[in-house]
Amino acid sequence: MGDVLAGAAGALGLDDEQAQQARVLLELPHVRRMVVVLVDGLGRNNLAERSGHAPFLRGLLAGSRTLRSTFPSTTATAMATFGTGLPPGRTAMLGYTVRVPATGALGNLVSWTQLPEPQVWQPAPTWFDRMSAAGIAVTSVGPQRFEGSGLTRAALHGGGYRPAESLVERVDGVLDVLRAPGLAYLYWGDVDKAGHHHGWGSLEWGDALAAVDHELARLARALPTGTLLLVTADHGMVDVDRRARWDVATEPELRAQVDLVAGEPRAMQLHLTAGADPVQVADRWREVLGNRAVVLTRDVAIEAGLLGPVDERVRPVVGDVLVAMGGRATVVDSRTQTPASLELVGVHGSLTDQEMSIPLLLAGG
C-alpha cells in the first residue's frame, strides 16, 4: 500500500522516478484530477464475501489488483506507510500502541497520547508534501477533529484540509475540490467501527458497507470527465473467538519477565524486564500459544524483513519479542487495556491474508 499515493502523484504528473515507477506498477493512467478514497477496515476478502451489500464496489472488484497492508496490519501503521511510502521500520509507527524509548511509557498512535511531537516521532516527508511542493493541489476532506491531529501530522501532513463530517458532506466536498485539477483524499472510518463493535459478519457491518457503497457510486457518477477514482483500505479484519483468548495479566507463563505489552491483541510487541533472555521468553510463549501464533525475537523479525528496513532510531521501539496471532485467536493484557477494548468483536493487526489483503479499485480516468 506504500505505492498508492506515490502512484497517484505519478498519475498527476509528478516528475519523480519513484512516483512514475509506482504509477506503472499500479497501471494508473495520466490524469489531471484524482480522488483517493481510503475505507478503514475494508479488507479485500471481507468485501468479496459481503459484496452483496456493495453493488458499485462489486463491479470494480472483478479483475482488480490486490495490495498488501503493513505488519502490523493496523490503522496507525498502515496510514503512515500509505502517507510516506516508507515501511514501518522507518516510520516508527509500529502498532496501535508503542513503547516510547525515552520515557518507557505506552504511547497511543491513534489518539497520540504519551508521545513526542508527531513530526519528531515520524519526520519523513509525505507524498502530500511532495505533490504540494511540485505545485499539485492536494486537499484532504475529513472531520474537523482530524485536522492537525497527531496521526494526521505524522502520516498525512501536507496540502490543504477541508472539514466535512458526514459521508454525504465529504463526497460533496470532494466534488467541490475537484472543480480544479489536483488530488482530493477522502477517509471513511465507519466500516471499521462497525466491525470492531459488531464483527465484520454482522448486519451492522453490512449496513455500513452499503452506505459507503451508495455514496461512492454517487461520487463516481458526478466526477468531472477524465477524473480517476481510486478506492483502497488500510487493512482487513477477523472476528475473535473468545475460546482462543489469553490474558497476560492472568497467565503466569506469559506474564513472566514481560515488563510491557505494546501493540494490539493480534500483534503484540513484548518489552522485557532488564536481563531477560528474549529467546527464552519467545520459547515460553510458543509453548503456551502453540500453533495459534508466530513468535519471533526482535533480531529474527528484523532479519526476516517483517517491518522492512529498520532505522537505528526505530530499533528501540520494536519489542524484544514480536507475536503475530493466527486464526481468530487473540492475546490481551487487562492491566493496560480498557474494558471496552477487551470486548471488541472484530480485530486486526496480524499476518493472515484476511487482514493483509486490501483492494485497489479504479473507476473513471
Protein backbone atom coordinates (compact mmCIF):
# COMPACT_ATOMS: atom_id res chain seq x y z
CA MET A 1 0.00 0.00 0.00
CA GLY A 2 3.00 2.26 0.18
CA ASP A 3 2.82 2.66 -3.60
CA VAL A 4 -0.71 4.12 -3.72
CA LEU A 5 -0.02 7.80 -3.13
CA ALA A 6 3.28 7.57 -4.99
CA GLY A 7 1.35 6.19 -7.96
CA ALA A 8 -1.26 8.91 -7.59
CA ALA A 9 1.49 11.52 -7.67
CA GLY A 10 2.89 9.95 -10.82
CA ALA A 11 -0.55 9.86 -12.44
CA LEU A 12 -0.92 13.59 -11.73
CA GLY A 13 2.39 14.31 -13.41
CA LEU A 14 4.96 14.47 -10.60
CA ASP A 15 8.37 14.24 -12.25
CA ASP A 16 9.82 11.74 -9.78
CA GLU A 17 11.28 8.31 -10.58
CA GLN A 18 9.63 6.57 -7.61
CA ALA A 19 6.26 8.12 -8.42
CA GLN A 20 6.41 7.10 -12.06
CA GLN A 21 7.51 3.56 -11.18
CA ALA A 22 4.56 3.26 -8.79
CA ARG A 23 2.18 4.62 -11.43
CA VAL A 24 3.34 1.96 -13.90
CA LEU A 25 3.22 -0.77 -11.25
CA LEU A 26 -0.38 0.07 -10.35
CA GLU A 27 -1.32 0.67 -14.01
CA LEU A 28 -2.67 4.16 -13.39
CA PRO A 29 -3.33 6.47 -16.34
CA HIS A 30 -2.11 10.04 -16.57
CA VAL A 31 -4.89 12.33 -15.34
CA ARG A 32 -5.39 15.94 -14.25
CA ARG A 33 -7.83 15.14 -11.42
CA MET A 34 -7.88 12.23 -9.00
CA VAL A 35 -9.70 11.23 -5.83
CA VAL A 36 -8.24 8.63 -3.47
CA VAL A 37 -10.71 7.10 -1.01
CA LEU A 38 -9.50 5.02 1.92
CA VAL A 39 -12.22 2.97 3.63
CA ASP A 40 -10.86 1.92 7.01
CA GLY A 41 -11.16 -1.83 7.62
CA LEU A 42 -12.39 -2.77 4.13
CA GLY A 43 -10.21 -5.81 3.52
CA ARG A 44 -10.43 -7.35 0.07
CA ASN A 45 -11.62 -10.70 1.43
CA ASN A 46 -14.18 -9.00 3.68
CA LEU A 47 -15.50 -7.01 0.72
CA ALA A 48 -15.64 -10.05 -1.55
CA GLU A 49 -17.65 -12.08 0.98
CA ARG A 50 -20.10 -9.27 1.76
CA SER A 51 -20.22 -7.80 -1.76
CA GLY A 52 -23.98 -8.31 -1.97
CA HIS A 53 -24.19 -5.12 0.10
CA ALA A 54 -21.96 -3.21 -2.33
CA PRO A 55 -23.08 -3.41 -5.98
CA PHE A 56 -20.88 -0.49 -7.07
CA LEU A 57 -17.69 -1.78 -5.43
CA ARG A 58 -18.52 -5.35 -6.51
CA GLY A 59 -18.49 -4.17 -10.10
CA LEU A 60 -14.97 -2.76 -9.63
CA LEU A 61 -13.67 -5.82 -7.77
CA ALA A 62 -13.61 -8.26 -10.71
CA GLY A 63 -10.16 -8.23 -12.27
CA SER A 64 -8.81 -5.64 -9.84
CA ARG A 65 -5.42 -5.78 -8.14
CA THR A 66 -4.83 -6.89 -4.56
CA LEU A 67 -2.48 -4.83 -2.41
CA ARG A 68 -0.78 -5.81 0.83
CA SER A 69 -1.06 -3.94 4.10
CA THR A 70 1.75 -3.44 6.56
CA PHE A 71 2.71 -5.52 9.56
CA PRO A 72 1.20 -4.76 11.96
CA SER A 73 -1.93 -4.54 9.81
CA THR A 74 -3.44 -1.73 11.82
CA THR A 75 -4.55 1.81 11.06
CA ALA A 76 -1.72 3.92 12.50
CA THR A 77 0.98 1.73 10.96
CA ALA A 78 -0.71 1.38 7.58
CA MET A 79 -1.63 5.06 7.33
CA ALA A 80 1.98 6.09 7.89
CA THR A 81 3.17 3.78 5.13
CA PHE A 82 0.30 4.96 2.91
CA GLY A 83 1.24 8.59 3.53
CA THR A 84 5.02 8.36 3.28
CA GLY A 85 5.61 5.27 1.15
CA LEU A 86 8.03 4.01 3.82
CA PRO A 87 7.85 0.70 5.74
CA PRO A 88 7.06 0.64 9.48
CA GLY A 89 10.71 0.09 10.33
CA ARG A 90 11.44 3.57 9.05
CA THR A 91 8.36 5.45 10.32
CA ALA A 92 8.35 4.08 13.93
CA MET A 93 4.56 3.73 13.57
CA LEU A 94 4.59 0.17 14.89
CA GLY A 95 1.09 -0.55 16.19
CA TYR A 96 -1.94 0.80 17.98
CA THR A 97 0.33 1.38 20.96
CA VAL A 98 4.12 1.56 21.18
CA ARG A 99 6.68 1.83 23.94
CA VAL A 100 8.38 5.23 23.90
CA PRO A 101 12.11 4.60 24.48
CA ALA A 102 12.80 7.93 26.15
CA THR A 103 10.11 7.53 28.82
CA GLY A 104 9.14 3.86 28.90
CA ALA A 105 5.50 4.96 28.56
CA LEU A 106 2.91 3.19 26.44
CA GLY A 107 2.09 5.70 23.71
CA ASN A 108 -1.10 5.54 21.65
CA LEU A 109 -0.51 6.32 17.96
CA VAL A 110 -4.22 6.82 17.19
CA SER A 111 -5.13 9.24 20.00
CA TRP A 112 -1.50 10.48 20.08
CA THR A 113 -1.08 10.36 23.82
CA GLN A 114 2.15 9.85 25.82
CA LEU A 115 4.17 10.51 22.65
CA PRO A 116 6.64 13.16 21.40
CA GLU A 117 5.55 15.69 18.79
CA PRO A 118 4.27 13.86 15.68
CA GLN A 119 6.93 15.12 13.29
CA VAL A 120 9.64 14.30 15.81
CA TRP A 121 8.38 10.74 16.09
CA GLN A 122 7.83 10.43 12.31
CA PRO A 123 9.94 13.06 10.49
CA ALA A 124 9.83 11.71 6.93
CA PRO A 125 8.02 13.80 4.30
CA THR A 126 4.71 12.57 2.92
CA TRP A 127 3.57 12.27 -0.67
CA PHE A 128 1.15 15.11 0.06
CA ASP A 129 4.21 17.24 0.89
CA ARG A 130 5.96 16.23 -2.31
CA MET A 131 2.97 16.89 -4.51
CA SER A 132 2.28 20.26 -2.91
CA ALA A 133 5.91 21.30 -3.33
CA ALA A 134 5.66 20.42 -7.03
CA GLY A 135 2.58 22.59 -7.48
CA ILE A 136 -0.02 19.79 -7.50
CA ALA A 137 -3.06 20.84 -5.46
CA VAL A 138 -3.79 18.38 -2.63
CA THR A 139 -6.83 18.58 -0.36
CA SER A 140 -7.87 16.16 2.39
CA VAL A 141 -11.60 16.06 3.11
CA GLY A 142 -12.47 14.77 6.57
CA PRO A 143 -13.80 15.54 10.05
CA GLN A 144 -12.73 18.69 11.83
CA ARG A 145 -11.15 16.70 14.68
CA PHE A 146 -8.66 15.08 12.29
CA GLU A 147 -7.28 18.39 11.05
CA GLY A 148 -3.99 18.84 12.87
CA SER A 149 -4.39 15.64 14.90
CA GLY A 150 -1.26 13.77 15.91
CA LEU A 151 -1.83 10.91 13.47
CA THR A 152 -2.59 13.31 10.61
CA ARG A 153 0.56 15.32 11.33
CA ALA A 154 2.67 12.15 11.48
CA ALA A 155 1.26 10.32 8.47
CA LEU A 156 -0.64 12.67 6.15
CA HIS A 157 0.62 16.20 6.64
CA GLY A 158 0.80 18.48 3.63
CA GLY A 159 -1.70 20.13 1.32
CA GLY A 160 -4.97 21.70 2.37
CA TYR A 161 -7.73 20.39 4.60
CA ARG A 162 -11.49 20.77 4.13
CA PRO A 163 -13.60 19.83 7.18
CA ALA A 164 -16.68 17.70 6.47
CA GLU A 165 -18.43 15.38 8.91
CA SER A 166 -20.97 13.04 7.29
CA LEU A 167 -20.10 10.89 4.30
CA VAL A 168 -22.55 12.86 2.17
CA GLU A 169 -20.78 16.09 3.16
CA ARG A 170 -17.38 14.58 2.42
CA VAL A 171 -18.43 13.42 -1.04
CA ASP A 172 -19.88 16.87 -1.74
CA GLY A 173 -16.63 18.41 -0.51
CA VAL A 174 -14.55 16.22 -2.84
CA LEU A 175 -16.73 17.17 -5.81
CA ASP A 176 -16.27 20.84 -4.99
CA VAL A 177 -12.49 20.47 -4.61
CA LEU A 178 -12.23 18.71 -7.98
CA ARG A 179 -13.63 21.67 -9.86
CA ALA A 180 -9.92 22.40 -10.25
CA PRO A 181 -7.15 19.92 -11.18
CA GLY A 182 -5.38 18.10 -8.39
CA LEU A 183 -5.82 15.35 -5.79
CA ALA A 184 -8.65 15.00 -3.29
CA TYR A 185 -8.29 12.50 -0.44
CA LEU A 186 -11.29 11.13 1.46
CA TYR A 187 -11.14 8.86 4.54
CA TRP A 188 -14.13 6.97 5.96
CA GLY A 189 -13.97 5.03 9.24
CA ASP A 190 -17.48 3.71 9.91
CA VAL A 191 -16.93 0.30 8.30
CA ASP A 192 -14.02 -0.36 10.65
CA LYS A 193 -16.02 0.94 13.62
CA ALA A 194 -18.94 -1.38 12.85
CA GLY A 195 -16.55 -4.31 12.54
CA HIS A 196 -14.88 -3.61 15.86
CA HIS A 197 -18.15 -3.40 17.76
CA HIS A 198 -20.29 -5.98 15.95
CA GLY A 199 -17.98 -8.09 13.78
CA TRP A 200 -17.50 -7.93 10.02
CA GLY A 201 -20.10 -10.66 9.53
CA SER A 202 -22.79 -8.62 11.29
CA LEU A 203 -25.84 -6.81 9.95
CA GLU A 204 -24.29 -3.56 11.16
CA TRP A 205 -21.15 -4.12 9.10
CA GLY A 206 -23.25 -4.86 6.03
CA ASP A 207 -25.22 -1.66 6.57
CA ALA A 208 -22.02 0.37 6.92
CA LEU A 209 -20.68 -1.17 3.71
CA ALA A 210 -23.93 -0.45 1.86
CA ALA A 211 -23.85 3.18 2.99
CA VAL A 212 -20.31 3.81 1.73
CA ASP A 213 -21.03 1.92 -1.50
CA HIS A 214 -24.06 4.13 -2.18
CA GLU A 215 -22.09 7.36 -1.69
CA LEU A 216 -19.07 6.19 -3.68
CA ALA A 217 -21.39 5.31 -6.56
CA ARG A 218 -22.79 8.85 -6.38
CA LEU A 219 -19.27 10.24 -6.30
CA ALA A 220 -18.27 8.25 -9.39
CA ARG A 221 -21.31 9.43 -11.34
CA ALA A 222 -20.68 13.09 -10.53
CA LEU A 223 -16.91 13.30 -11.08
CA PRO A 224 -15.64 15.64 -13.80
CA THR A 225 -14.79 13.89 -17.06
CA GLY A 226 -11.34 12.33 -17.00
CA THR A 227 -11.11 12.10 -13.21
CA LEU A 228 -9.71 8.88 -11.76
CA LEU A 229 -11.35 7.39 -8.66
CA LEU A 230 -9.18 5.05 -6.58
CA VAL A 231 -10.63 3.15 -3.62
CA THR A 232 -8.47 1.23 -1.18
CA ALA A 233 -8.23 0.33 2.53
CA ASP A 234 -5.68 0.08 5.31
CA HIS A 235 -6.34 -3.49 6.48
CA GLY A 236 -8.93 -6.25 6.72
CA MET A 237 -10.50 -7.80 9.81
CA VAL A 238 -11.21 -11.09 11.60
CA ASP A 239 -13.85 -11.77 14.24
CA VAL A 240 -12.47 -13.02 17.55
CA ASP A 241 -13.00 -16.46 19.04
CA ARG A 242 -13.28 -15.87 22.79
CA ARG A 243 -12.37 -19.52 23.38
CA ALA A 244 -8.95 -18.76 21.91
CA ARG A 245 -8.03 -15.73 24.00
CA TRP A 246 -5.24 -15.41 26.54
CA ASP A 247 -4.80 -12.62 29.09
CA VAL A 248 -1.21 -11.75 30.02
CA ALA A 249 -2.47 -10.44 33.37
CA THR A 250 -3.77 -13.86 34.41
CA GLU A 251 -1.36 -16.21 32.60
CA PRO A 252 1.84 -16.57 34.68
CA GLU A 253 3.78 -18.17 31.82
CA LEU A 254 3.02 -15.22 29.54
CA ARG A 255 3.47 -12.55 32.19
CA ALA A 256 6.87 -13.72 33.45
CA GLN A 257 9.72 -11.32 32.54
CA VAL A 258 7.38 -9.17 30.40
CA ASP A 259 7.52 -5.56 31.55
CA LEU A 260 5.14 -4.04 28.95
CA VAL A 261 2.90 -5.32 26.15
CA ALA A 262 2.56 -2.88 23.24
CA GLY A 263 0.62 -3.29 20.02
CA GLU A 264 -2.82 -4.93 19.99
CA PRO A 265 -4.47 -8.33 20.55
CA ARG A 266 -3.49 -9.70 17.13
CA ALA A 267 0.06 -8.27 17.05
CA MET A 268 1.94 -7.82 20.30
CA GLN A 269 5.35 -6.36 20.96
CA LEU A 270 6.75 -7.60 24.26
CA HIS A 271 9.21 -5.37 26.08
CA LEU A 272 11.03 -7.46 28.66
CA THR A 273 12.40 -6.81 32.10
CA ALA A 274 16.10 -5.99 32.39
CA GLY A 275 18.26 -9.07 31.92
CA ALA A 276 15.51 -11.27 30.47
CA ASP A 277 16.50 -13.54 27.59
CA PRO A 278 14.26 -12.88 24.55
CA VAL A 279 14.89 -16.39 23.21
CA GLN A 280 13.66 -18.00 26.43
CA VAL A 281 10.60 -15.74 26.63
CA ALA A 282 9.77 -16.46 22.98
CA ASP A 283 10.07 -20.21 23.61
CA ARG A 284 7.74 -19.96 26.61
CA TRP A 285 5.12 -18.03 24.61
CA ARG A 286 5.31 -20.64 21.85
CA GLU A 287 4.67 -23.39 24.38
CA VAL A 288 1.55 -21.62 25.65
CA LEU A 289 0.12 -20.46 22.32
CA GLY A 290 1.14 -23.42 20.17
CA ASN A 291 0.16 -23.14 16.52
CA ARG A 292 -2.08 -20.15 17.25
CA ALA A 293 0.82 -17.71 16.89
CA VAL A 294 4.10 -16.84 15.21
CA VAL A 295 6.56 -15.75 17.92
CA LEU A 296 9.85 -14.11 16.92
CA THR A 297 12.61 -12.32 18.74
CA ARG A 298 13.32 -8.77 17.58
CA ASP A 299 16.55 -9.78 15.86
CA VAL A 300 14.86 -12.59 13.92
CA ALA A 301 11.88 -10.40 12.97
CA ILE A 302 14.15 -7.62 11.68
CA GLU A 303 16.38 -10.04 9.79
CA ALA A 304 13.29 -11.57 8.18
CA GLY A 305 12.20 -8.13 6.97
CA LEU A 306 8.88 -8.22 8.79
CA LEU A 307 8.96 -4.46 9.34
CA GLY A 308 11.00 -3.58 6.27
CA PRO A 309 14.41 -1.95 6.78
CA VAL A 310 14.61 -0.74 10.39
CA ASP A 311 16.31 2.58 11.16
CA GLU A 312 18.54 2.75 14.22
CA ARG A 313 16.23 5.32 15.84
CA VAL A 314 13.31 2.89 15.41
CA ARG A 315 15.01 -0.26 16.68
CA PRO A 316 14.40 0.51 20.40
CA VAL A 317 10.68 0.96 19.65
CA VAL A 318 10.45 -2.62 18.38
CA GLY A 319 9.59 -5.14 21.09
CA ASP A 320 12.17 -7.64 22.31
CA VAL A 321 9.68 -10.31 21.20
CA LEU A 322 7.00 -9.99 18.48
CA VAL A 323 3.85 -12.11 18.45
CA ALA A 324 1.51 -12.44 15.45
CA MET A 325 -1.71 -14.36 16.04
CA GLY A 326 -3.30 -16.80 13.62
CA GLY A 327 -6.86 -17.98 13.09
CA ARG A 328 -9.25 -15.97 15.26
CA ALA A 329 -7.05 -16.03 18.35
CA THR A 330 -6.02 -13.03 20.46
CA VAL A 331 -3.85 -12.15 23.43
CA VAL A 332 -4.96 -9.26 25.64
CA ASP A 333 -3.50 -7.56 28.69
CA SER A 334 -6.23 -6.43 31.06
CA ARG A 335 -3.65 -4.49 33.10
CA THR A 336 -3.37 -1.82 30.39
CA GLN A 337 -6.32 -2.31 28.04
CA THR A 338 -9.67 -0.66 28.70
CA PRO A 339 -12.74 -2.83 29.38
CA ALA A 340 -14.28 -1.57 26.13
CA SER A 341 -11.26 -2.66 24.09
CA LEU A 342 -11.42 -6.12 25.65
CA GLU A 343 -14.96 -6.51 24.30
CA LEU A 344 -14.17 -5.78 20.63
CA VAL A 345 -15.59 -8.36 18.24
CA GLY A 346 -13.66 -7.53 15.07
CA VAL A 347 -9.88 -7.17 15.30
CA HIS A 348 -6.82 -6.93 13.05
CA GLY A 349 -3.08 -6.46 13.14
CA SER A 350 -1.65 -9.85 12.20
CA LEU A 351 -0.26 -11.51 9.09
CA THR A 352 -3.25 -13.51 7.84
CA ASP A 353 -4.50 -12.92 4.31
CA GLN A 354 -7.82 -11.76 5.78
CA GLU A 355 -6.02 -8.88 7.50
CA MET A 356 -3.27 -8.17 4.97
CA SER A 357 -5.14 -8.20 1.63
CA ILE A 358 -6.66 -4.87 0.65
CA PRO A 359 -8.36 -3.79 -2.58
CA LEU A 360 -7.20 -1.43 -5.30
CA LEU A 361 -10.37 -0.42 -7.11
CA LEU A 362 -10.34 2.01 -10.03
CA ALA A 363 -13.08 3.86 -11.87
CA GLY A 364 -13.08 6.65 -14.43
CA GLY A 365 -9.82 8.14 -15.62
